[in-house]
Amino acid sequence: AAKLPDGMLESIGSTAVFEILSGGTYDPDTGLRAGQTTTSVSVRMSPPVSWSRAYRGADSSSKQDTSVTYISSRGLTFTPQPGMSFTLAGLSWKIQRVSPYQVKDTIVAYELEVTHG
């Protein structure tokens, strides 16, 4: 397998802005959190590459356009999670799936499956 040069995503990747929510109190009646704080975090990542994945549900023929992008764990102050959103090149994206890449016991990058919105 080809090895990526150390720091490649940080030096040639595009800047994405993640809105990280923290704190607050969960209200089970509304299903929402009150009093959350939002922190904008800028990180470098690869541009999303488009691909489609079939989603099996009530309509097994339905498809949703998805893309894949990669983010380095170096200096990352949060762990990417499904449901998180970010903006990249003026477009809004939502994380659907996260796959960490590990070397021994260290996560070195994340593959993110994302959709618009």
Protein backbone atom coordinates (compact mmCIF):
# COMPACT_ATOMS: atom_id res chain seq x y z
CA ALA A 1 0.00 0.00 0.00
CA ALA A 2 1.17 3.51 -0.76
CA LYS A 3 2.27 5.60 2.19
CA LEU A 4 1.12 9.21 2.43
CA PRO A 5 3.84 11.73 3.25
CA ASP A 6 3.81 12.87 6.87
CA GLY A 7 1.62 15.97 7.25
CA MET A 8 0.18 15.78 3.73
CA LEU A 9 -3.45 16.47 4.71
CA GLU A 10 -2.41 19.43 6.86
CA SER A 11 -0.33 21.01 4.08
CA ILE A 12 -2.43 20.45 0.94
CA GLY A 13 -5.90 19.75 2.34
CA SER A 14 -8.79 22.21 2.32
CA THR A 15 -9.90 24.08 5.43
CA ALA A 16 -13.17 22.87 6.94
CA VAL A 17 -15.01 24.49 9.84
CA PHE A 18 -16.67 22.14 12.34
CA GLU A 19 -19.26 23.49 14.77
CA ILE A 20 -18.63 21.55 18.00
CA LEU A 21 -21.50 21.55 20.51
CA SER A 22 -20.79 20.96 24.19
CA GLY A 23 -22.46 21.18 27.56
CA GLY A 24 -26.11 21.94 28.09
CA THR A 25 -28.90 20.03 29.72
CA TYR A 26 -30.94 17.40 27.90
CA ASP A 27 -34.73 17.80 28.04
CA PRO A 28 -36.37 14.39 27.44
CA ASP A 29 -39.73 16.07 26.70
CA THR A 30 -38.40 18.05 23.72
CA GLY A 31 -35.45 15.82 22.81
CA LEU A 32 -33.22 18.91 22.75
CA ARG A 33 -30.31 20.27 24.77
CA ALA A 34 -30.67 23.71 26.34
CA GLY A 35 -27.68 25.90 27.13
CA GLN A 36 -25.18 24.30 24.75
CA THR A 37 -22.12 26.22 23.68
CA THR A 38 -20.83 26.13 20.11
CA THR A 39 -17.15 26.30 19.25
CA SER A 40 -15.93 26.69 15.67
CA VAL A 41 -12.90 24.55 14.93
CA SER A 42 -10.96 24.87 11.66
CA VAL A 43 -9.11 21.79 10.39
CA ARG A 44 -7.45 20.73 7.13
CA MET A 45 -8.93 17.75 5.32
CA SER A 46 -9.07 16.20 1.87
CA PRO A 47 -11.81 17.45 -0.46
CA PRO A 48 -14.82 15.09 -0.51
CA VAL A 49 -14.83 12.54 -3.35
CA SER A 50 -18.33 11.64 -4.54
CA TRP A 51 -19.66 8.10 -4.53
CA SER A 52 -23.07 6.46 -3.99
CA ARG A 53 -24.06 3.92 -1.41
CA ALA A 54 -27.38 2.08 -1.31
CA TYR A 55 -29.26 2.56 1.93
CA ARG A 56 -31.55 -0.33 2.77
CA GLY A 57 -34.78 0.72 4.38
CA ALA A 58 -38.48 0.56 3.70
CA ASP A 59 -37.64 1.40 0.07
CA SER A 60 -34.70 -0.89 -0.68
CA SER A 61 -34.14 0.81 -4.04
CA SER A 62 -33.49 4.25 -2.48
CA LYS A 63 -30.03 5.71 -2.75
CA GLN A 64 -28.42 8.73 -1.19
CA ASP A 65 -25.43 10.45 -2.76
CA THR A 66 -22.49 10.28 -0.43
CA SER A 67 -18.89 11.41 -0.50
CA VAL A 68 -15.76 10.32 1.32
CA THR A 69 -13.15 12.61 2.87
CA TYR A 70 -10.15 12.12 5.14
CA ILE A 71 -9.03 14.05 8.19
CA SER A 72 -5.75 13.68 10.06
CA SER A 73 -5.87 13.09 13.81
CA ARG A 74 -2.72 15.20 14.30
CA GLY A 75 -3.64 18.17 16.50
CA LEU A 76 -7.35 17.34 16.28
CA THR A 77 -9.15 18.63 19.39
CA PHE A 78 -12.30 16.53 18.90
CA THR A 79 -13.26 13.08 17.67
CA PRO A 80 -15.39 13.07 14.50
CA GLN A 81 -18.79 11.46 15.12
CA PRO A 82 -21.78 10.57 12.94
CA GLY A 83 -24.26 13.46 12.98
CA MET A 84 -21.59 16.19 13.20
CA SER A 85 -21.72 18.92 10.57
CA PHE A 86 -19.02 21.01 8.91
CA THR A 87 -18.62 23.56 6.14
CA LEU A 88 -16.04 23.08 3.39
CA ALA A 89 -15.67 25.33 0.33
CA GLY A 90 -19.02 26.97 1.09
CA LEU A 91 -20.92 23.67 1.24
CA SER A 92 -22.50 22.13 4.34
CA TRP A 93 -21.76 18.46 5.02
CA LYS A 94 -23.02 15.96 7.59
CA ILE A 95 -21.02 12.95 8.79
CA GLN A 96 -22.82 9.62 8.26
CA ARG A 97 -20.01 7.18 9.13
CA VAL A 98 -16.55 7.42 10.70
CA SER A 99 -13.77 4.86 10.19
CA PRO A 100 -10.53 5.42 12.11
CA TYR A 101 -7.17 4.43 10.61
CA GLN A 102 -4.78 3.06 13.24
CA VAL A 103 -1.10 2.28 13.38
CA LYS A 104 -0.59 -0.02 16.35
CA ASP A 105 -2.62 1.71 19.12
CA THR A 106 -2.59 5.21 17.60
CA ILE A 107 -5.34 6.65 15.42
CA VAL A 108 -3.59 8.56 12.62
CA ALA A 109 -6.57 9.61 10.47
CA TYR A 110 -10.32 9.22 9.98
CA GLU A 111 -12.27 8.34 6.86
CA LEU A 112 -15.58 10.22 6.90
CA GLU A 113 -18.59 9.24 4.80
CA VAL A 114 -20.53 12.48 4.35
CA THR A 115 -23.68 13.85 2.71
CA HIS A 116 -24.72 17.40 1.81
CA GLY A 117 -26.75 19.10 4.48
